[in-house]
Amino acid sequence: VIFACGPTPMLRALKEYAQEKQIPCWISMEERMACGIGACLGCVCQS
C-alpha cells in the first residue's frame, strides 16, 4: 500500500508506478483553497 503527499508531478509518477505494480495508492493532493469547506468550487480536480 502507498500513502503519499506532495507536488502533483510526484503524485502523478506514484499513481503510474502503483498501477504498474497493481497496488492501492492513496494520495493527498495539494491545491490552493479558498473556503476550505467545499462551497466555492475553487479547488476542484477531475474525477
ModelCIF file with pLDDT and N, C-alpha, C, O atoms, coordinates in Angstrom:
data_MODEL
#
_entry.id   MODEL 
#
_entity.id                         1 
_entity.type                       polymer 
_entity.pdbx_number_of_molecules   1 
#
_entity_poly.entity_id                      1 
_entity_poly.type                           'polypeptide(L)' 
_entity_poly.nstd_linkage                   no 
_entity_poly.nstd_monomer                   no 
_entity_poly.pdbx_seq_one_letter_code       VIFACGPTPMLRALKEYAQEKQIPCWISMEERMACGIGACLGCVCQS 
_entity_poly.pdbx_seq_one_letter_code_can   VIFACGPTPMLRALKEYAQEKQIPCWISMEERMACGIGACLGCVCQS 
_entity_poly.pdbx_strand_id                 A 
#
loop_
_entity_poly_seq.entity_id 
_entity_poly_seq.num 
_entity_poly_seq.mon_id 
_entity_poly_seq.hetero 
1 1  VAL n 
1 2  ILE n 
1 3  PHE n 
1 4  ALA n 
1 5  CYS n 
1 6  GLY n 
1 7  PRO n 
1 8  THR n 
1 9  PRO n 
1 10 MET n 
1 11 LEU n 
1 12 ARG n 
1 13 ALA n 
1 14 LEU n 
1 15 LYS n 
1 16 GLU n 
1 17 TYR n 
1 18 ALA n 
1 19 GLN n 
1 20 GLU n 
1 21 LYS n 
1 22 GLN n 
1 23 ILE n 
1 24 PRO n 
1 25 CYS n 
1 26 TRP n 
1 27 ILE n 
1 28 SER n 
1 29 MET n 
1 30 GLU n 
1 31 GLU n 
1 32 ARG n 
1 33 MET n 
1 34 ALA n 
1 35 CYS n 
1 36 GLY n 
1 37 ILE n 
1 38 GLY n 
1 39 ALA n 
1 40 CYS n 
1 41 LEU n 
1 42 GLY n 
1 43 CYS n 
1 44 VAL n 
1 45 CYS n 
1 46 GLN n 
1 47 SER n 
#
_struct_asym.id          A 
_struct_asym.entity_id   1 
#
loop_
_ma_qa_metric.id 
_ma_qa_metric.mode 
_ma_qa_metric.name 
_ma_qa_metric.software_group_id 
_ma_qa_metric.type 
1 global pLDDT . pLDDT 
2 local  pLDDT . pLDDT 
#
_ma_qa_metric_global.metric_id      1 
_ma_qa_metric_global.metric_value   76.91 
_ma_qa_metric_global.model_id       1 
_ma_qa_metric_global.ordinal_id     1 
#
loop_
_ma_qa_metric_local.label_asym_id 
_ma_qa_metric_local.label_comp_id 
_ma_qa_metric_local.label_seq_id 
_ma_qa_metric_local.metric_id 
_ma_qa_metric_local.metric_value 
_ma_qa_metric_local.model_id 
_ma_qa_metric_local.ordinal_id 
A VAL 1  2 97.00 1 1  
A ILE 2  2 98.00 1 2  
A PHE 3  2 98.00 1 3  
A ALA 4  2 97.00 1 4  
A CYS 5  2 96.00 1 5  
A GLY 6  2 95.00 1 6  
A PRO 7  2 93.00 1 7  
A THR 8  2 93.00 1 8  
A PRO 9  2 94.00 1 9  
A MET 10 2 96.00 1 10 
A LEU 11 2 96.00 1 11 
A ARG 12 2 95.00 1 12 
A ALA 13 2 96.00 1 13 
A LEU 14 2 97.00 1 14 
A LYS 15 2 96.00 1 15 
A GLU 16 2 97.00 1 16 
A TYR 17 2 97.00 1 17 
A ALA 18 2 97.00 1 18 
A GLN 19 2 97.00 1 19 
A GLU 20 2 96.00 1 20 
A LYS 21 2 96.00 1 21 
A GLN 22 2 96.00 1 22 
A ILE 23 2 96.00 1 23 
A PRO 24 2 96.00 1 24 
A CYS 25 2 97.00 1 25 
A TRP 26 2 96.00 1 26 
A ILE 27 2 95.00 1 27 
A SER 28 2 93.00 1 28 
A MET 29 2 81.00 1 29 
A GLU 30 2 66.00 1 30 
A GLU 31 2 51.00 1 31 
A ARG 32 2 49.00 1 32 
A MET 33 2 43.00 1 33 
A ALA 34 2 44.00 1 34 
A CYS 35 2 42.00 1 35 
A GLY 36 2 43.00 1 36 
A ILE 37 2 46.00 1 37 
A GLY 38 2 44.00 1 38 
A ALA 39 2 46.00 1 39 
A CYS 40 2 44.00 1 40 
A LEU 41 2 44.00 1 41 
A GLY 42 2 46.00 1 42 
A CYS 43 2 43.00 1 43 
A VAL 44 2 46.00 1 44 
A CYS 45 2 48.00 1 45 
A GLN 46 2 54.00 1 46 
A SER 47 2 49.00 1 47 
#
loop_
_atom_site.group_PDB 
_atom_site.id 
_atom_site.type_symbol 
_atom_site.label_atom_id 
_atom_site.label_alt_id 
_atom_site.label_comp_id 
_atom_site.label_asym_id 
_atom_site.label_entity_id 
_atom_site.label_seq_id 
_atom_site.pdbx_PDB_ins_code 
_atom_site.Cartn_x 
_atom_site.Cartn_y 
_atom_site.Cartn_z 
_atom_site.occupancy 
_atom_site.B_iso_or_equiv 
_atom_site.pdbx_formal_charge 
_atom_site.auth_seq_id 
_atom_site.auth_comp_id 
_atom_site.auth_asym_id 
_atom_site.auth_atom_id 
_atom_site.pdbx_PDB_model_num 
ATOM 1   N N  . VAL A 1 1  ? 0.870   -1.182 0.000   1.00 97.00 ? 1  VAL A N  1 
ATOM 2   C CA . VAL A 1 1  ? 0.000   0.000  0.000   1.00 97.00 ? 1  VAL A CA 1 
ATOM 3   C C  . VAL A 1 1  ? 0.905   1.230  0.000   1.00 97.00 ? 1  VAL A C  1 
ATOM 4   O O  . VAL A 1 1  ? 1.981   1.211  0.599   1.00 97.00 ? 1  VAL A O  1 
ATOM 5   N N  . ILE A 1 2  ? 0.471   2.300  -0.671  1.00 98.00 ? 2  ILE A N  1 
ATOM 6   C CA . ILE A 1 2  ? 1.217   3.564  -0.667  1.00 98.00 ? 2  ILE A CA 1 
ATOM 7   C C  . ILE A 1 2  ? 0.320   4.678  -0.140  1.00 98.00 ? 2  ILE A C  1 
ATOM 8   O O  . ILE A 1 2  ? -0.832  4.806  -0.553  1.00 98.00 ? 2  ILE A O  1 
ATOM 9   N N  . PHE A 1 3  ? 0.853   5.474  0.767   1.00 98.00 ? 3  PHE A N  1 
ATOM 10  C CA . PHE A 1 3  ? 0.239   6.737  1.199   1.00 98.00 ? 3  PHE A CA 1 
ATOM 11  C C  . PHE A 1 3  ? 1.220   7.838  0.809   1.00 98.00 ? 3  PHE A C  1 
ATOM 12  O O  . PHE A 1 3  ? 2.405   7.749  1.129   1.00 98.00 ? 3  PHE A O  1 
ATOM 13  N N  . ALA A 1 4  ? 0.739   8.877  0.120   1.00 97.00 ? 4  ALA A N  1 
ATOM 14  C CA . ALA A 1 4  ? 1.666   9.903  -0.369  1.00 97.00 ? 4  ALA A CA 1 
ATOM 15  C C  . ALA A 1 4  ? 1.065   11.296 -0.299  1.00 97.00 ? 4  ALA A C  1 
ATOM 16  O O  . ALA A 1 4  ? -0.147  11.478 -0.413  1.00 97.00 ? 4  ALA A O  1 
ATOM 17  N N  . CYS A 1 5  ? 1.941   12.273 -0.109  1.00 96.00 ? 5  CYS A N  1 
ATOM 18  C CA . CYS A 1 5  ? 1.552   13.683 -0.141  1.00 96.00 ? 5  CYS A CA 1 
ATOM 19  C C  . CYS A 1 5  ? 2.716   14.481 -0.709  1.00 96.00 ? 5  CYS A C  1 
ATOM 20  O O  . CYS A 1 5  ? 3.863   14.310 -0.298  1.00 96.00 ? 5  CYS A O  1 
ATOM 21  N N  . GLY A 1 6  ? 2.403   15.357 -1.664  1.00 95.00 ? 6  GLY A N  1 
ATOM 22  C CA . GLY A 1 6  ? 3.463   16.159 -2.262  1.00 95.00 ? 6  GLY A CA 1 
ATOM 23  C C  . GLY A 1 6  ? 3.000   16.838 -3.530  1.00 95.00 ? 6  GLY A C  1 
ATOM 24  O O  . GLY A 1 6  ? 1.804   16.865 -3.818  1.00 95.00 ? 6  GLY A O  1 
ATOM 25  N N  . PRO A 1 7  ? 3.931   17.389 -4.295  1.00 93.00 ? 7  PRO A N  1 
ATOM 26  C CA . PRO A 1 7  ? 3.570   18.121 -5.514  1.00 93.00 ? 7  PRO A CA 1 
ATOM 27  C C  . PRO A 1 7  ? 2.984   17.186 -6.577  1.00 93.00 ? 7  PRO A C  1 
ATOM 28  O O  . PRO A 1 7  ? 3.243   15.983 -6.584  1.00 93.00 ? 7  PRO A O  1 
ATOM 29  N N  . THR A 1 8  ? 2.197   17.770 -7.465  1.00 93.00 ? 8  THR A N  1 
ATOM 30  C CA . THR A 1 8  ? 1.475   16.994 -8.479  1.00 93.00 ? 8  THR A CA 1 
ATOM 31  C C  . THR A 1 8  ? 2.366   16.086 -9.324  1.00 93.00 ? 8  THR A C  1 
ATOM 32  O O  . THR A 1 8  ? 1.994   14.931 -9.529  1.00 93.00 ? 8  THR A O  1 
ATOM 33  N N  . PRO A 1 9  ? 3.528   16.539 -9.833  1.00 94.00 ? 9  PRO A N  1 
ATOM 34  C CA . PRO A 1 9  ? 4.353   15.628 -10.636 1.00 94.00 ? 9  PRO A CA 1 
ATOM 35  C C  . PRO A 1 9  ? 4.755   14.371 -9.873  1.00 94.00 ? 9  PRO A C  1 
ATOM 36  O O  . PRO A 1 9  ? 4.809   13.287 -10.453 1.00 94.00 ? 9  PRO A O  1 
ATOM 37  N N  . MET A 1 10 ? 5.038   14.505 -8.579  1.00 96.00 ? 10 MET A N  1 
ATOM 38  C CA . MET A 1 10 ? 5.386   13.353 -7.752  1.00 96.00 ? 10 MET A CA 1 
ATOM 39  C C  . MET A 1 10 ? 4.208   12.404 -7.633  1.00 96.00 ? 10 MET A C  1 
ATOM 40  O O  . MET A 1 10 ? 4.369   11.191 -7.774  1.00 96.00 ? 10 MET A O  1 
ATOM 41  N N  . LEU A 1 11 ? 3.018   12.946 -7.375  1.00 96.00 ? 11 LEU A N  1 
ATOM 42  C CA . LEU A 1 11 ? 1.826   12.113 -7.220  1.00 96.00 ? 11 LEU A CA 1 
ATOM 43  C C  . LEU A 1 11 ? 1.472   11.414 -8.529  1.00 96.00 ? 11 LEU A C  1 
ATOM 44  O O  . LEU A 1 11 ? 1.045   10.259 -8.531  1.00 96.00 ? 11 LEU A O  1 
ATOM 45  N N  . ARG A 1 12 ? 1.651   12.115 -9.630  1.00 95.00 ? 12 ARG A N  1 
ATOM 46  C CA . ARG A 1 12 ? 1.359   11.521 -10.944 1.00 95.00 ? 12 ARG A CA 1 
ATOM 47  C C  . ARG A 1 12 ? 2.277   10.325 -11.208 1.00 95.00 ? 12 ARG A C  1 
ATOM 48  O O  . ARG A 1 12 ? 1.834   9.286  -11.699 1.00 95.00 ? 12 ARG A O  1 
ATOM 49  N N  . ALA A 1 13 ? 3.564   10.488 -10.873 1.00 96.00 ? 13 ALA A N  1 
ATOM 50  C CA . ALA A 1 13 ? 4.527   9.398  -11.070 1.00 96.00 ? 13 ALA A CA 1 
ATOM 51  C C  . ALA A 1 13 ? 4.202   8.216  -10.157 1.00 96.00 ? 13 ALA A C  1 
ATOM 52  O O  . ALA A 1 13 ? 4.314   7.063  -10.575 1.00 96.00 ? 13 ALA A O  1 
ATOM 53  N N  . LEU A 1 14 ? 3.804   8.490  -8.923  1.00 97.00 ? 14 LEU A N  1 
ATOM 54  C CA . LEU A 1 14 ? 3.458   7.418  -7.996  1.00 97.00 ? 14 LEU A CA 1 
ATOM 55  C C  . LEU A 1 14 ? 2.187   6.700  -8.423  1.00 97.00 ? 14 LEU A C  1 
ATOM 56  O O  . LEU A 1 14 ? 2.073   5.487  -8.250  1.00 97.00 ? 14 LEU A O  1 
ATOM 57  N N  . LYS A 1 15 ? 1.232   7.437  -8.979  1.00 96.00 ? 15 LYS A N  1 
ATOM 58  C CA . LYS A 1 15 ? -0.001  6.820  -9.479  1.00 96.00 ? 15 LYS A CA 1 
ATOM 59  C C  . LYS A 1 15 ? 0.335   5.816  -10.580 1.00 96.00 ? 15 LYS A C  1 
ATOM 60  O O  . LYS A 1 15 ? -0.178  4.697  -10.583 1.00 96.00 ? 15 LYS A O  1 
ATOM 61  N N  . GLU A 1 16 ? 1.196   6.218  -11.515 1.00 97.00 ? 16 GLU A N  1 
ATOM 62  C CA . GLU A 1 16 ? 1.597   5.333  -12.613 1.00 97.00 ? 16 GLU A CA 1 
ATOM 63  C C  . GLU A 1 16 ? 2.349   4.107  -12.082 1.00 97.00 ? 16 GLU A C  1 
ATOM 64  O O  . GLU A 1 16 ? 2.128   2.981  -12.529 1.00 97.00 ? 16 GLU A O  1 
ATOM 65  N N  . TYR A 1 17 ? 3.239   4.354  -11.121 1.00 97.00 ? 17 TYR A N  1 
ATOM 66  C CA . TYR A 1 17 ? 4.016   3.262  -10.514 1.00 97.00 ? 17 TYR A CA 1 
ATOM 67  C C  . TYR A 1 17 ? 3.074   2.257  -9.834  1.00 97.00 ? 17 TYR A C  1 
ATOM 68  O O  . TYR A 1 17 ? 3.233   1.046  -9.992  1.00 97.00 ? 17 TYR A O  1 
ATOM 69  N N  . ALA A 1 18 ? 2.098   2.767  -9.082  1.00 97.00 ? 18 ALA A N  1 
ATOM 70  C CA . ALA A 1 18 ? 1.163   1.900  -8.355  1.00 97.00 ? 18 ALA A CA 1 
ATOM 71  C C  . ALA A 1 18 ? 0.287   1.097  -9.323  1.00 97.00 ? 18 ALA A C  1 
ATOM 72  O O  . ALA A 1 18 ? -0.005  -0.072 -9.074  1.00 97.00 ? 18 ALA A O  1 
ATOM 73  N N  . GLN A 1 19 ? -0.128  1.723  -10.417 1.00 97.00 ? 19 GLN A N  1 
ATOM 74  C CA . GLN A 1 19 ? -0.931  1.000  -11.399 1.00 97.00 ? 19 GLN A CA 1 
ATOM 75  C C  . GLN A 1 19 ? -0.111  -0.109 -12.058 1.00 97.00 ? 19 GLN A C  1 
ATOM 76  O O  . GLN A 1 19 ? -0.603  -1.209 -12.306 1.00 97.00 ? 19 GLN A O  1 
ATOM 77  N N  . GLU A 1 20 ? 1.138   0.212  -12.328 1.00 96.00 ? 20 GLU A N  1 
ATOM 78  C CA . GLU A 1 20 ? 2.040   -0.774 -12.937 1.00 96.00 ? 20 GLU A CA 1 
ATOM 79  C C  . GLU A 1 20 ? 2.238   -1.974 -12.009 1.00 96.00 ? 20 GLU A C  1 
ATOM 80  O O  . GLU A 1 20 ? 2.276   -3.121 -12.457 1.00 96.00 ? 20 GLU A O  1 
ATOM 81  N N  . LYS A 1 21 ? 2.365   -1.690 -10.706 1.00 96.00 ? 21 LYS A N  1 
ATOM 82  C CA . LYS A 1 21 ? 2.600   -2.747 -9.718  1.00 96.00 ? 21 LYS A CA 1 
ATOM 83  C C  . LYS A 1 21 ? 1.294   -3.350 -9.176  1.00 96.00 ? 21 LYS A C  1 
ATOM 84  O O  . LYS A 1 21 ? 1.313   -4.336 -8.440  1.00 96.00 ? 21 LYS A O  1 
ATOM 85  N N  . GLN A 1 22 ? 0.161   -2.739 -9.553  1.00 96.00 ? 22 GLN A N  1 
ATOM 86  C CA . GLN A 1 22 ? -1.169  -3.198 -9.124  1.00 96.00 ? 22 GLN A CA 1 
ATOM 87  C C  . GLN A 1 22 ? -1.314  -3.193 -7.598  1.00 96.00 ? 22 GLN A C  1 
ATOM 88  O O  . GLN A 1 22 ? -1.738  -4.172 -6.984  1.00 96.00 ? 22 GLN A O  1 
ATOM 89  N N  . ILE A 1 23 ? -0.943  -2.048 -7.019  1.00 96.00 ? 23 ILE A N  1 
ATOM 90  C CA . ILE A 1 23 ? -1.119  -1.865 -5.577  1.00 96.00 ? 23 ILE A CA 1 
ATOM 91  C C  . ILE A 1 23 ? -1.903  -0.577 -5.324  1.00 96.00 ? 23 ILE A C  1 
ATOM 92  O O  . ILE A 1 23 ? -1.757  0.385  -6.077  1.00 96.00 ? 23 ILE A O  1 
ATOM 93  N N  . PRO A 1 24 ? -2.735  -0.541 -4.273  1.00 96.00 ? 24 PRO A N  1 
ATOM 94  C CA . PRO A 1 24 ? -3.503  0.672  -3.983  1.00 96.00 ? 24 PRO A CA 1 
ATOM 95  C C  . PRO A 1 24 ? -2.607  1.818  -3.528  1.00 96.00 ? 24 PRO A C  1 
ATOM 96  O O  . PRO A 1 24 ? -1.674  1.622  -2.749  1.00 96.00 ? 24 PRO A O  1 
ATOM 97  N N  . CYS A 1 25 ? -2.900  2.996  -4.018  1.00 97.00 ? 25 CYS A N  1 
ATOM 98  C CA . CYS A 1 25 ? -2.112  4.186  -3.705  1.00 97.00 ? 25 CYS A CA 1 
ATOM 99  C C  . CYS A 1 25 ? -3.054  5.312  -3.322  1.00 97.00 ? 25 CYS A C  1 
ATOM 100 O O  . CYS A 1 25 ? -3.905  5.719  -4.113  1.00 97.00 ? 25 CYS A O  1 
ATOM 101 N N  . TRP A 1 26 ? -2.900  5.809  -2.113  1.00 96.00 ? 26 TRP A N  1 
ATOM 102 C CA . TRP A 1 26 ? -3.729  6.905  -1.625  1.00 96.00 ? 26 TRP A CA 1 
ATOM 103 C C  . TRP A 1 26 ? -2.891  8.176  -1.648  1.00 96.00 ? 26 TRP A C  1 
ATOM 104 O O  . TRP A 1 26 ? -1.810  8.222  -1.061  1.00 96.00 ? 26 TRP A O  1 
ATOM 105 N N  . ILE A 1 27 ? -3.386  9.203  -2.322  1.00 95.00 ? 27 ILE A N  1 
ATOM 106 C CA . ILE A 1 27 ? -2.613  10.431 -2.493  1.00 95.00 ? 27 ILE A CA 1 
ATOM 107 C C  . ILE A 1 27 ? -3.342  11.621 -1.858  1.00 95.00 ? 27 ILE A C  1 
ATOM 108 O O  . ILE A 1 27 ? -4.561  11.753 -1.963  1.00 95.00 ? 27 ILE A O  1 
ATOM 109 N N  . SER A 1 28 ? -2.573  12.468 -1.208  1.00 93.00 ? 28 SER A N  1 
ATOM 110 C CA . SER A 1 28 ? -3.100  13.705 -0.639  1.00 93.00 ? 28 SER A CA 1 
ATOM 111 C C  . SER A 1 28 ? -2.696  14.835 -1.577  1.00 93.00 ? 28 SER A C  1 
ATOM 112 O O  . SER A 1 28 ? -1.511  15.123 -1.742  1.00 93.00 ? 28 SER A O  1 
ATOM 113 N N  . MET A 1 29 ? -3.688  15.469 -2.186  1.00 81.00 ? 29 MET A N  1 
ATOM 114 C CA . MET A 1 29 ? -3.433  16.450 -3.233  1.00 81.00 ? 29 MET A CA 1 
ATOM 115 C C  . MET A 1 29 ? -3.276  17.852 -2.673  1.00 81.00 ? 29 MET A C  1 
ATOM 116 O O  . MET A 1 29 ? -4.063  18.291 -1.835  1.00 81.00 ? 29 MET A O  1 
ATOM 117 N N  . GLU A 1 30 ? -2.255  18.548 -3.143  1.00 66.00 ? 30 GLU A N  1 
ATOM 118 C CA . GLU A 1 30 ? -2.023  19.934 -2.751  1.00 66.00 ? 30 GLU A CA 1 
ATOM 119 C C  . GLU A 1 30 ? -2.738  20.837 -3.739  1.00 66.00 ? 30 GLU A C  1 
ATOM 120 O O  . GLU A 1 30 ? -2.661  20.623 -4.949  1.00 66.00 ? 30 GLU A O  1 
ATOM 121 N N  . GLU A 1 31 ? -3.431  21.841 -3.232  1.00 51.00 ? 31 GLU A N  1 
ATOM 122 C CA . GLU A 1 31 ? -4.139  22.770 -4.116  1.00 51.00 ? 31 GLU A CA 1 
ATOM 123 C C  . GLU A 1 31 ? -4.402  24.057 -3.360  1.00 51.00 ? 31 GLU A C  1 
ATOM 124 O O  . GLU A 1 31 ? -4.559  24.054 -2.139  1.00 51.00 ? 31 GLU A O  1 
ATOM 125 N N  . ARG A 1 32 ? -4.448  25.162 -4.099  1.00 49.00 ? 32 ARG A N  1 
ATOM 126 C CA . ARG A 1 32 ? -4.854  26.428 -3.485  1.00 49.00 ? 32 ARG A CA 1 
ATOM 127 C C  . ARG A 1 32 ? -6.329  26.330 -3.133  1.00 49.00 ? 32 ARG A C  1 
ATOM 128 O O  . ARG A 1 32 ? -7.144  25.923 -3.961  1.00 49.00 ? 32 ARG A O  1 
ATOM 129 N N  . MET A 1 33 ? -6.672  26.702 -1.908  1.00 43.00 ? 33 MET A N  1 
ATOM 130 C CA . MET A 1 33 ? -8.063  26.610 -1.456  1.00 43.00 ? 33 MET A CA 1 
ATOM 131 C C  . MET A 1 33 ? -8.534  27.974 -0.990  1.00 43.00 ? 33 MET A C  1 
ATOM 132 O O  . MET A 1 33 ? -7.746  28.793 -0.516  1.00 43.00 ? 33 MET A O  1 
ATOM 133 N N  . ALA A 1 34 ? -9.842  28.205 -1.133  1.00 44.00 ? 34 ALA A N  1 
ATOM 134 C CA . ALA A 1 34 ? -10.413 29.466 -0.666  1.00 44.00 ? 34 ALA A CA 1 
ATOM 135 C C  . ALA A 1 34 ? -11.241 29.224 0.589   1.00 44.00 ? 34 ALA A C  1 
ATOM 136 O O  . ALA A 1 34 ? -10.822 29.577 1.691   1.00 44.00 ? 34 ALA A O  1 
ATOM 137 N N  . CYS A 1 35 ? -12.432 28.613 0.421   1.00 42.00 ? 35 CYS A N  1 
ATOM 138 C CA . CYS A 1 35 ? -13.314 28.467 1.581   1.00 42.00 ? 35 CYS A CA 1 
ATOM 139 C C  . CYS A 1 35 ? -12.880 27.338 2.508   1.00 42.00 ? 35 CYS A C  1 
ATOM 140 O O  . CYS A 1 35 ? -13.037 27.450 3.724   1.00 42.00 ? 35 CYS A O  1 
ATOM 141 N N  . GLY A 1 36 ? -12.337 26.251 1.958   1.00 43.00 ? 36 GLY A N  1 
ATOM 142 C CA . GLY A 1 36 ? -11.907 25.115 2.771   1.00 43.00 ? 36 GLY A CA 1 
ATOM 143 C C  . GLY A 1 36 ? -13.016 24.159 3.166   1.00 43.00 ? 36 GLY A C  1 
ATOM 144 O O  . GLY A 1 36 ? -12.756 23.167 3.846   1.00 43.00 ? 36 GLY A O  1 
ATOM 145 N N  . ILE A 1 37 ? -14.268 24.440 2.748   1.00 46.00 ? 37 ILE A N  1 
ATOM 146 C CA . ILE A 1 37 ? -15.391 23.588 3.166   1.00 46.00 ? 37 ILE A CA 1 
ATOM 147 C C  . ILE A 1 37 ? -16.219 23.081 1.987   1.00 46.00 ? 37 ILE A C  1 
ATOM 148 O O  . ILE A 1 37 ? -17.287 22.502 2.189   1.00 46.00 ? 37 ILE A O  1 
ATOM 149 N N  . GLY A 1 38 ? -15.739 23.291 0.750   1.00 44.00 ? 38 GLY A N  1 
ATOM 150 C CA . GLY A 1 38 ? -16.407 22.711 -0.404  1.00 44.00 ? 38 GLY A CA 1 
ATOM 151 C C  . GLY A 1 38 ? -17.479 23.557 -1.057  1.00 44.00 ? 38 GLY A C  1 
ATOM 152 O O  . GLY A 1 38 ? -18.158 23.092 -1.973  1.00 44.00 ? 38 GLY A O  1 
ATOM 153 N N  . ALA A 1 39 ? -17.644 24.788 -0.606  1.00 46.00 ? 39 ALA A N  1 
ATOM 154 C CA . ALA A 1 39 ? -18.730 25.612 -1.132  1.00 46.00 ? 39 ALA A CA 1 
ATOM 155 C C  . ALA A 1 39 ? -18.363 26.378 -2.398  1.00 46.00 ? 39 ALA A C  1 
ATOM 156 O O  . ALA A 1 39 ? -19.217 26.582 -3.262  1.00 46.00 ? 39 ALA A O  1 
ATOM 157 N N  . CYS A 1 40 ? -17.115 26.804 -2.522  1.00 44.00 ? 40 CYS A N  1 
ATOM 158 C CA . CYS A 1 40 ? -16.757 27.752 -3.589  1.00 44.00 ? 40 CYS A CA 1 
ATOM 159 C C  . CYS A 1 40 ? -16.293 27.092 -4.881  1.00 44.00 ? 40 CYS A C  1 
ATOM 160 O O  . CYS A 1 40 ? -16.205 27.760 -5.911  1.00 44.00 ? 40 CYS A O  1 
ATOM 161 N N  . LEU A 1 41 ? -15.994 25.795 -4.848  1.00 44.00 ? 41 LEU A N  1 
ATOM 162 C CA . LEU A 1 41 ? -15.507 25.050 -6.020  1.00 44.00 ? 41 LEU A CA 1 
ATOM 163 C C  . LEU A 1 41 ? -14.204 25.628 -6.566  1.00 44.00 ? 41 LEU A C  1 
ATOM 164 O O  . LEU A 1 41 ? -13.928 25.537 -7.762  1.00 44.00 ? 41 LEU A O  1 
ATOM 165 N N  . GLY A 1 42 ? -13.409 26.219 -5.684  1.00 46.00 ? 42 GLY A N  1 
ATOM 166 C CA . GLY A 1 42 ? -12.149 26.819 -6.114  1.00 46.00 ? 42 GLY A CA 1 
ATOM 167 C C  . GLY A 1 42 ? -10.987 25.837 -6.164  1.00 46.00 ? 42 GLY A C  1 
ATOM 168 O O  . GLY A 1 42 ? -9.898  26.190 -6.617  1.00 46.00 ? 42 GLY A O  1 
ATOM 169 N N  . CYS A 1 43 ? -11.209 24.594 -5.698  1.00 43.00 ? 43 CYS A N  1 
ATOM 170 C CA . CYS A 1 43 ? -10.091 23.643 -5.635  1.00 43.00 ? 43 CYS A CA 1 
ATOM 171 C C  . CYS A 1 43 ? -10.492 22.290 -6.197  1.00 43.00 ? 43 CYS A C  1 
ATOM 172 O O  . CYS A 1 43 ? -10.195 21.256 -5.598  1.00 43.00 ? 43 CYS A O  1 
ATOM 173 N N  . VAL A 1 44 ? -11.163 22.288 -7.340  1.00 46.00 ? 44 VAL A N  1 
ATOM 174 C CA . VAL A 1 44 ? -11.634 21.026 -7.894  1.00 46.00 ? 44 VAL A CA 1 
ATOM 175 C C  . VAL A 1 44 ? -10.548 20.321 -8.707  1.00 46.00 ? 44 VAL A C  1 
ATOM 176 O O  . VAL A 1 44 ? -9.635  20.952 -9.241  1.00 46.00 ? 44 VAL A O  1 
ATOM 177 N N  . CYS A 1 45 ? -10.675 19.008 -8.782  1.00 48.00 ? 45 CYS A N  1 
ATOM 178 C CA . CYS A 1 45 ? -9.820  18.216 -9.661  1.00 48.00 ? 45 CYS A CA 1 
ATOM 179 C C  . CYS A 1 45 ? -10.725 17.287 -10.455 1.00 48.00 ? 45 CYS A C  1 
ATOM 180 O O  . CYS A 1 45 ? -11.851 17.016 -10.038 1.00 48.00 ? 45 CYS A O  1 
ATOM 181 N N  . GLN A 1 46 ? -10.255 16.803 -11.579 1.00 54.00 ? 46 GLN A N  1 
ATOM 182 C CA . GLN A 1 46 ? -11.059 15.900 -12.402 1.00 54.00 ? 46 GLN A CA 1 
ATOM 183 C C  . GLN A 1 46 ? -11.144 14.524 -11.759 1.00 54.00 ? 46 GLN A C  1 
ATOM 184 O O  . GLN A 1 46 ? -10.167 14.021 -11.204 1.00 54.00 ? 46 GLN A O  1 
ATOM 185 N N  . SER A 1 47 ? -12.330 13.922 -11.841 1.00 49.00 ? 47 SER A N  1 
ATOM 186 C CA . SER A 1 47 ? -12.538 12.620 -11.225 1.00 49.00 ? 47 SER A CA 1 
ATOM 187 C C  . SER A 1 47 ? -13.216 11.671 -12.205 1.00 49.00 ? 47 SER A C  1 
ATOM 188 O O  . SER A 1 47 ? -13.477 10.516 -11.866 1.00 49.00 ? 47 SER A O  1 
#
